[in-house]
Protein backbone atom coordinates (compact mmCIF):
# COMPACT_ATOMS: atom_id res chain seq x y z
CA MET A 1 -18.55 9.56 -12.05
CA PRO A 2 -18.42 10.94 -8.50
CA THR A 3 -15.93 12.81 -6.39
CA ILE A 4 -15.75 11.54 -2.80
CA GLU A 5 -14.84 13.81 0.08
CA LEU A 6 -14.15 12.89 3.69
CA SER A 7 -14.26 16.05 5.78
CA ARG A 8 -12.71 15.74 9.27
CA VAL A 9 -14.12 12.26 9.72
CA SER A 10 -13.67 10.42 13.03
CA LYS A 11 -14.88 7.09 14.35
CA VAL A 12 -15.01 6.18 18.04
CA TYR A 13 -16.03 2.71 19.24
CA GLY A 14 -17.57 2.59 22.68
CA THR A 15 -16.51 5.56 24.77
CA SER A 16 -12.80 5.79 24.11
CA THR A 17 -11.52 3.59 21.25
CA LEU A 18 -10.54 6.04 18.51
CA ALA A 19 -10.30 4.12 15.21
CA VAL A 20 -10.22 7.10 12.80
CA ASP A 21 -8.99 10.50 13.94
CA ASP A 22 -10.05 13.66 12.09
CA VAL A 23 -9.32 12.40 8.57
CA SER A 24 -9.85 14.65 5.56
CA LEU A 25 -9.43 13.19 2.08
CA THR A 26 -10.69 13.94 -1.42
CA ILE A 27 -10.93 11.15 -4.02
CA GLU A 28 -11.31 12.40 -7.56
CA ASP A 29 -13.58 11.10 -10.31
CA ARG A 30 -12.29 7.77 -11.76
CA GLU A 31 -9.28 7.75 -9.44
CA PHE A 32 -7.91 4.48 -8.05
CA VAL A 33 -6.96 5.24 -4.44
CA VAL A 34 -5.34 2.63 -2.19
CA LEU A 35 -5.64 2.90 1.60
CA ILE A 36 -2.74 1.10 3.24
CA GLY A 37 -1.28 0.74 6.68
CA PRO A 38 -0.62 -1.75 9.48
CA SER A 39 -3.40 -3.73 11.13
CA GLY A 40 -5.64 -1.49 13.23
CA CYS A 41 -4.71 1.71 11.41
CA GLY A 42 -8.34 2.50 10.46
CA LYS A 43 -8.26 1.79 6.73
CA SER A 44 -11.13 -0.75 6.69
CA THR A 45 -13.14 1.43 9.08
CA LEU A 46 -12.81 4.34 6.64
CA LEU A 47 -13.98 2.12 3.79
CA ARG A 48 -16.98 0.89 5.77
CA MET A 49 -17.96 4.47 6.63
CA LEU A 50 -17.85 5.27 2.92
CA ALA A 51 -20.12 2.30 2.27
CA GLY A 52 -22.51 3.24 5.06
CA LEU A 53 -21.77 0.05 7.01
CA GLU A 54 -20.34 2.09 9.92
CA ASP A 55 -21.79 5.24 11.42
CA VAL A 56 -19.65 8.38 11.37
CA THR A 57 -18.94 9.69 14.86
CA ALA A 58 -17.87 13.14 13.65
CA GLY A 59 -17.33 14.85 10.31
CA ASP A 60 -18.99 14.42 6.94
CA VAL A 61 -18.90 11.98 4.03
CA LEU A 62 -19.82 13.70 0.77
CA VAL A 63 -20.37 12.32 -2.72
CA ASP A 64 -20.48 14.98 -5.44
CA GLY A 65 -20.98 17.54 -2.67
CA ARG A 66 -23.98 15.73 -1.19
CA ARG A 67 -23.72 14.71 2.47
CA VAL A 68 -24.45 10.98 2.74
CA ASN A 69 -23.81 10.30 6.44
CA ASP A 70 -27.42 9.24 6.98
CA VAL A 71 -28.03 7.67 3.56
CA HIS A 72 -28.70 3.91 3.66
CA PRO A 73 -25.94 1.74 2.08
CA LYS A 74 -28.24 0.51 -0.71
CA ASP A 75 -28.96 4.12 -1.71
CA ARG A 76 -25.32 5.26 -1.94
CA ASP A 77 -24.69 3.85 -5.43
CA VAL A 78 -21.73 1.89 -4.04
CA SER A 79 -20.59 -1.68 -4.70
CA MET A 80 -18.31 -3.40 -2.19
CA VAL A 81 -16.04 -6.40 -2.60
CA PHE A 82 -15.10 -8.09 0.67
CA GLN A 83 -12.00 -9.98 1.76
CA ASN A 84 -13.92 -13.23 2.30
CA TYR A 85 -15.94 -12.86 -0.96
CA ALA A 86 -19.23 -13.03 1.04
CA LEU A 87 -20.85 -15.45 -1.42
CA TYR A 88 -24.02 -17.37 -0.59
CA PRO A 89 -23.05 -21.07 -0.54
CA HIS A 90 -26.59 -22.31 -1.30
CA MET A 91 -26.87 -20.17 -4.46
CA SER A 92 -25.36 -20.78 -7.87
CA VAL A 93 -22.80 -18.42 -9.37
CA ALA A 94 -25.51 -16.79 -11.48
CA GLN A 95 -27.74 -16.30 -8.44
CA ASN A 96 -24.88 -14.79 -6.46
CA ILE A 97 -24.04 -12.37 -9.25
CA SER A 98 -27.66 -11.32 -9.70
CA PHE A 99 -28.57 -11.08 -6.01
CA GLY A 100 -28.47 -7.27 -5.81
CA LEU A 101 -30.44 -6.90 -9.03
CA ARG A 102 -33.11 -9.29 -7.81
CA LEU A 103 -33.42 -7.36 -4.54
CA ARG A 104 -34.22 -4.29 -6.63
CA ARG A 105 -36.85 -6.29 -8.51
CA THR A 106 -35.05 -5.81 -11.82
CA PRO A 107 -36.95 -7.56 -14.67
CA ARG A 108 -35.75 -11.13 -15.26
CA GLY A 109 -34.78 -10.48 -18.85
CA VAL A 110 -32.58 -7.58 -17.85
CA VAL A 111 -31.01 -9.67 -15.07
CA ARG A 112 -30.15 -12.50 -17.49
CA GLU A 113 -28.68 -10.06 -19.98
CA LYS A 114 -26.51 -8.26 -17.43
CA VAL A 115 -25.33 -11.43 -15.71
CA GLY A 116 -24.45 -12.99 -19.06
CA ALA A 117 -22.46 -9.94 -20.15
CA VAL A 118 -20.49 -9.68 -16.90
CA ALA A 119 -19.85 -13.43 -16.77
CA GLU A 120 -18.47 -13.31 -20.30
CA THR A 121 -16.16 -10.42 -19.39
CA LEU A 122 -14.76 -12.25 -16.36
CA GLY A 123 -14.63 -15.73 -17.89
CA LEU A 124 -17.36 -17.12 -15.63
CA THR A 125 -19.85 -18.31 -18.26
CA PRO A 126 -19.00 -22.03 -17.87
CA TYR A 127 -19.55 -21.82 -14.10
CA LEU A 128 -22.88 -19.99 -13.85
CA ASP A 129 -24.79 -23.09 -12.66
CA ARG A 130 -22.19 -24.19 -10.12
CA PRO A 131 -22.20 -23.44 -6.37
CA PRO A 132 -19.25 -21.40 -5.02
CA ALA A 133 -17.84 -24.48 -3.24
CA GLU A 134 -16.92 -25.97 -6.63
CA LEU A 135 -14.82 -22.95 -7.65
CA SER A 136 -11.19 -22.08 -7.01
CA GLY A 137 -10.25 -19.06 -4.91
CA GLY A 138 -9.58 -16.97 -7.99
CA GLN A 139 -12.91 -17.92 -9.55
CA ARG A 140 -14.77 -17.04 -6.35
CA GLN A 141 -13.03 -13.67 -6.31
CA ARG A 142 -14.22 -13.11 -9.88
CA VAL A 143 -17.78 -13.90 -8.80
CA ALA A 144 -17.51 -11.26 -6.07
CA LEU A 145 -16.21 -8.76 -8.65
CA ALA A 146 -19.00 -9.72 -11.06
CA ARG A 147 -21.63 -9.09 -8.38
CA ALA A 148 -20.19 -5.60 -7.91
CA MET A 149 -19.92 -4.92 -11.63
CA VAL A 150 -23.42 -6.01 -12.52
CA GLN A 151 -24.93 -3.33 -10.29
CA GLU A 152 -23.26 -0.64 -12.41
CA SER A 153 -22.49 1.46 -9.35
CA ARG A 154 -20.43 4.60 -9.68
CA ILE A 155 -18.15 3.72 -6.77
CA PHE A 156 -16.25 0.48 -6.12
CA LEU A 157 -15.00 -0.21 -2.59
CA MET A 158 -12.65 -3.17 -2.15
CA ASP A 159 -11.57 -4.45 1.27
CA GLU A 160 -8.40 -6.60 0.90
CA PRO A 161 -10.00 -8.62 -1.92
CA LEU A 162 -6.86 -10.60 -2.80
CA SER A 163 -5.52 -11.49 0.63
CA ASN A 164 -6.86 -15.06 0.51
CA LEU A 165 -5.17 -15.89 -2.80
CA ASP A 166 -1.71 -17.31 -3.42
CA ALA A 167 1.05 -15.00 -4.64
CA LYS A 168 0.88 -15.98 -8.32
CA LEU A 169 -2.90 -15.59 -8.49
CA ARG A 170 -2.72 -12.24 -6.68
CA GLY A 171 -0.51 -10.95 -9.47
CA THR A 172 -3.01 -12.08 -12.11
CA MET A 173 -5.97 -10.63 -10.23
CA ARG A 174 -4.21 -7.29 -9.72
CA ALA A 175 -3.94 -6.94 -13.49
CA GLU A 176 -7.60 -7.95 -13.96
CA ILE A 177 -8.88 -5.48 -11.37
CA LEU A 178 -6.89 -2.63 -12.94
CA ALA A 179 -8.17 -3.54 -16.40
CA LEU A 180 -11.75 -3.54 -15.11
CA HIS A 181 -11.24 -0.21 -13.37
CA ARG A 182 -10.03 1.40 -16.59
CA ALA A 183 -12.74 -0.22 -18.71
CA LEU A 184 -15.59 0.74 -16.38
CA GLY A 185 -14.26 4.18 -15.49
CA VAL A 186 -15.44 3.92 -11.88
CA THR A 187 -14.05 5.66 -8.83
CA THR A 188 -12.30 2.96 -6.80
CA VAL A 189 -11.14 2.88 -3.18
CA TYR A 190 -9.05 -0.19 -2.39
CA VAL A 191 -7.88 -1.29 1.07
CA THR A 192 -4.83 -3.51 1.50
CA HIS A 193 -1.96 -4.22 3.89
CA ASP A 194 0.17 -5.41 0.94
CA GLN A 195 2.60 -2.74 -0.21
CA VAL A 196 3.10 -4.51 -3.56
CA GLU A 197 -0.59 -4.02 -4.35
CA ALA A 198 -0.41 -0.39 -3.28
CA MET A 199 2.73 0.39 -5.28
CA THR A 200 1.60 -1.37 -8.47
CA MET A 201 -2.10 -0.51 -8.57
CA ALA A 202 -2.67 2.94 -7.11
CA ASP A 203 -3.03 6.28 -8.79
CA ARG A 204 -2.63 7.58 -5.25
CA VAL A 205 -1.58 5.87 -2.03
CA VAL A 206 -2.95 6.99 1.35
CA LEU A 207 -0.84 5.60 4.20
CA LEU A 208 -2.48 5.53 7.63
CA ARG A 209 -1.28 4.82 11.14
CA ASP A 210 -3.32 4.95 14.34
CA GLY A 211 -6.30 6.39 12.49
CA VAL A 212 -4.33 9.30 11.00
CA ILE A 213 -3.09 9.89 7.45
CA ARG A 214 0.70 9.98 7.62
CA GLN A 215 1.25 10.70 3.92
CA GLN A 216 -0.57 10.56 0.60
CA GLY A 217 0.65 10.85 -2.97
CA THR A 218 1.69 8.76 -5.94
CA PRO A 219 3.49 5.50 -5.08
CA ARG A 220 6.72 7.00 -6.40
CA GLU A 221 6.36 10.13 -4.25
CA LEU A 222 5.97 8.12 -1.05
CA TYR A 223 8.91 5.89 -1.90
CA VAL A 224 11.31 8.64 -2.98
CA ARG A 225 10.18 11.42 -0.61
CA PRO A 226 8.81 9.80 2.56
CA ALA A 227 7.36 12.28 5.05
CA ASP A 228 8.82 10.45 8.03
CA ARG A 229 10.67 7.37 9.18
CA PHE A 230 7.47 5.32 9.48
CA VAL A 231 6.55 5.91 5.83
CA ALA A 232 10.10 5.11 4.73
CA THR A 233 10.16 1.81 6.63
CA PHE A 234 6.63 0.75 5.70
CA LEU A 235 7.17 1.02 1.95
CA GLY A 236 9.97 -0.92 0.33
CA GLU A 237 10.96 -4.59 0.22
CA PRO A 238 13.49 -5.26 1.61
CA GLU A 239 12.95 -2.55 4.19
CA ILE A 240 15.05 0.61 4.17
CA ASN A 241 18.28 0.44 6.20
CA LEU A 242 18.30 2.75 9.25
CA LEU A 243 21.58 3.97 10.73
CA PRO A 244 22.00 6.11 13.87
CA ALA A 245 24.20 9.16 13.35
CA ARG A 246 25.27 12.43 14.94
CA VAL A 247 26.05 15.85 13.50
CA ALA A 248 29.53 16.94 14.54
CA GLY A 249 32.07 19.35 13.11
CA GLY A 250 29.95 20.23 10.09
CA ALA A 251 29.59 16.58 9.02
CA VAL A 252 27.41 13.62 9.91
CA ARG A 253 29.19 10.85 11.79
CA VAL A 254 28.01 7.24 11.63
CA PRO A 255 29.36 4.81 14.27
CA ASP A 256 31.76 2.20 12.80
CA ALA A 257 31.84 4.04 9.45
CA VAL A 258 34.59 5.97 7.72
CA VAL A 259 32.95 9.26 6.77
CA PRO A 260 34.84 11.80 4.60
CA ARG A 261 35.07 15.46 5.56
CA GLY A 262 31.88 17.31 4.78
CA TRP A 263 29.76 14.15 4.29
CA ARG A 264 26.28 15.48 5.02
CA PRO A 265 22.93 14.22 3.65
CA ALA A 266 20.40 16.86 2.64
CA GLY A 267 18.56 18.40 5.58
CA CYS A 268 21.33 17.75 8.09
CA GLU A 269 22.88 21.18 7.45
CA ARG A 270 20.10 22.66 9.61
CA VAL A 271 20.83 20.29 12.52
CA PRO A 272 23.06 21.78 15.28
CA ASP A 273 26.32 20.10 16.21
CA GLY A 274 25.89 17.41 18.82
CA GLU A 275 22.34 16.47 17.74
CA ASP A 276 21.39 12.92 16.73
CA VAL A 277 19.74 12.03 13.42
CA SER A 278 18.47 8.81 11.83
CA LEU A 279 19.68 7.97 8.33
CA GLY A 280 17.74 5.80 5.89
CA VAL A 281 19.38 4.09 2.91
CA ARG A 282 17.46 1.93 0.43
CA PRO A 283 19.15 -1.40 -0.42
CA GLU A 284 19.50 -0.36 -4.06
CA HIS A 285 21.63 2.62 -2.94
CA VAL A 286 24.17 0.55 -1.00
CA ARG A 287 27.12 -0.32 -3.24
CA VAL A 288 29.25 -3.30 -2.25
CA GLY A 289 32.94 -4.02 -2.85
CA ALA A 290 36.07 -1.95 -3.36
CA ALA A 291 35.30 -1.50 -7.07
CA ALA A 292 32.05 0.26 -6.13
CA ALA A 293 33.80 3.01 -4.15
CA ARG A 294 33.36 6.63 -5.27
CA ASP A 295 34.87 9.84 -4.00
CA GLY A 296 32.88 11.26 -1.11
CA ASP A 297 31.26 7.98 -0.03
CA ALA A 298 30.79 6.90 3.54
CA GLU A 299 32.35 3.45 3.89
CA LEU A 300 31.57 0.60 6.26
CA SER A 301 33.68 -2.52 6.61
CA ALA A 302 31.31 -5.48 6.78
CA GLU A 303 30.90 -9.24 6.81
CA VAL A 304 28.38 -11.01 4.59
CA GLU A 305 25.81 -12.82 6.74
CA LEU A 306 23.30 -13.93 4.10
CA LEU A 307 22.82 -13.85 0.33
CA GLU A 308 19.25 -14.15 -1.01
CA LEU A 309 18.79 -14.81 -4.74
CA ARG A 310 15.65 -13.23 -6.24
CA GLY A 311 15.69 -13.80 -9.97
CA GLU A 312 18.04 -11.39 -11.70
CA ASP A 313 18.93 -9.65 -8.43
CA ALA A 314 20.17 -10.74 -5.05
CA TYR A 315 20.17 -9.13 -1.61
CA ALA A 316 23.18 -9.36 0.66
CA THR A 317 22.75 -8.92 4.40
CA LEU A 318 25.92 -7.34 5.79
CA ARG A 319 27.04 -6.98 9.41
CA SER A 320 29.12 -3.89 10.19
CA GLY A 321 29.76 -3.44 13.89
CA ALA A 322 26.36 -2.81 15.47
CA HIS A 323 24.70 -2.29 12.07
CA ARG A 324 22.94 -4.81 9.86
CA ILE A 325 22.63 -3.54 6.29
CA VAL A 326 20.86 -5.04 3.29
CA ALA A 327 22.33 -4.26 -0.14
CA LYS A 328 21.02 -5.07 -3.61
CA VAL A 329 23.71 -6.88 -5.62
CA PRO A 330 23.82 -8.63 -9.01
CA ALA A 331 22.59 -12.23 -8.99
CA GLU A 332 25.98 -13.38 -10.32
CA SER A 333 27.79 -11.72 -7.39
CA ALA A 334 30.68 -13.77 -6.02
CA LEU A 335 29.83 -12.80 -2.43
CA ARG A 336 29.33 -15.66 -0.01
CA PRO A 337 28.39 -15.75 3.70
CA GLY A 338 31.49 -15.11 5.79
CA ASP A 339 33.22 -12.93 3.17
CA ARG A 340 34.64 -9.56 4.22
CA THR A 341 33.73 -6.60 2.04
CA THR A 342 32.92 -2.89 2.16
CA ALA A 343 29.62 -1.05 1.80
CA HIS A 344 29.59 2.40 0.23
CA VAL A 345 26.91 5.06 0.59
CA ALA A 346 26.72 8.44 -1.13
CA ALA A 347 25.29 11.32 0.90
CA GLY A 348 22.90 12.16 -1.95
CA SER A 349 21.13 8.80 -1.68
CA VAL A 350 20.39 9.07 2.05
CA HIS A 351 17.09 10.04 3.71
CA ALA A 352 17.64 11.95 6.95
CA PHE A 353 15.09 11.91 9.78
CA ASP A 354 14.81 13.62 13.13
CA ALA A 355 16.04 11.07 15.68
CA GLY A 356 13.17 11.84 18.06
CA SER A 357 10.03 12.56 16.05
CA GLY A 358 11.08 10.62 12.93
CA ALA A 359 10.05 13.51 10.68
CA ALA A 360 11.98 13.83 7.42
CA LEU A 361 14.51 16.65 7.49
CA VAL A 362 13.76 17.34 3.81
CA ARG A 363 10.18 17.42 2.45
C-alpha cells in the first residue's frame, strides 16, 4: 500500500483566493488520517488535489515517491466517496457499484463476481436490482462505499461521507468504515467537520484553519496537548472553558476567583508580571461543590444556570461574575438552576495560552 506525501502544496482560486497555503503532510501506508477544521479551512480542497480533481497551484503531490500532479484521476489508483453519494439515479445498485469496472472494460464475469462479493460484505445483496431512490440513506452510503471497494484501489478518499445521515446511523457507519479500512488494509484520508468522527476514527488527526495545518497528531495528543487556543476550543464537547487571567506577584490571578498563593499553571512561570494570559479548563476538570475542594485549588463562587443530563453524566453551566463555566457532574447531582455553589480548579489541569497569539505556553 502507498505512502502519500504533500510537499509544500498550495491552491489559489482566481488571482487571490488562497484555499491551501504551503501545506506539507506525509500519510503512511495503511494509515487512517482525518482532515478536520471549520468550513472553508481547505480540507476538501486538499482531498480533491489528492484525487486529481483540483489542479495544484504550487508544490507536489507524491504517491510512493512518484509525482502525480499531472496524472489523470483515473490513473491515480484512488477511490473517492463523496458527501452526496454521487449515485446515478437511472441505474440499479449493481450498475452503480460496477460503473468504474465497466468503464475499464472489465470482463462481465469478473464484474459479476466482484460486485457479488462486495455486496455480500456490505449487506447489499437483496438490493442489487433496485434504484437508489428506493434505498435508505445508510443503504445509499453503503452503495457508494461498495463502488469504491470494488475497484480495489490502494487509496480511499472520503469527503464527509456521513454528514447526511442521522446521529444513530452515523455511529453505525463509523464502525463499518473502520472495519472495512482494517479488513482491506488501504490508506485512507477522511474529511469531516465532525469532531466525534475525528476523535473516534483517526489514527492521526490533521486540524486545519485558513488553509494551514494548525496541529497534527493522535486524537489524544490534540485533546491533551493542544498547540494553541484554537485547537483547544475546536476539539472537545462541551467546549473548553476559557478564563482571562493576569500574572502578578508570582501567581496567576483570575477575576472573581479566590486564587491561593503560588497558584500558577504550567508555562505561566515564564510570563512576566503584569502580562495577560488565557486559561483553558476542560469541563471534566472543573469540580463542583464544597466537598470537591482540594488544597491549592482556585475557587469561584457561582450560580447554576443550566443542568443538561446526558446519560450517566450531566453538564452544569455555572455563572461566576463575568465568567460562564461548564462543569461535568454526576447525573444524580442534586444541583438545580438557581442554586449557589463553588467551582474548583487545580493548576495542574489548566491549559495556559498567550493572550495575544493564542499559542500554548507549554508544548
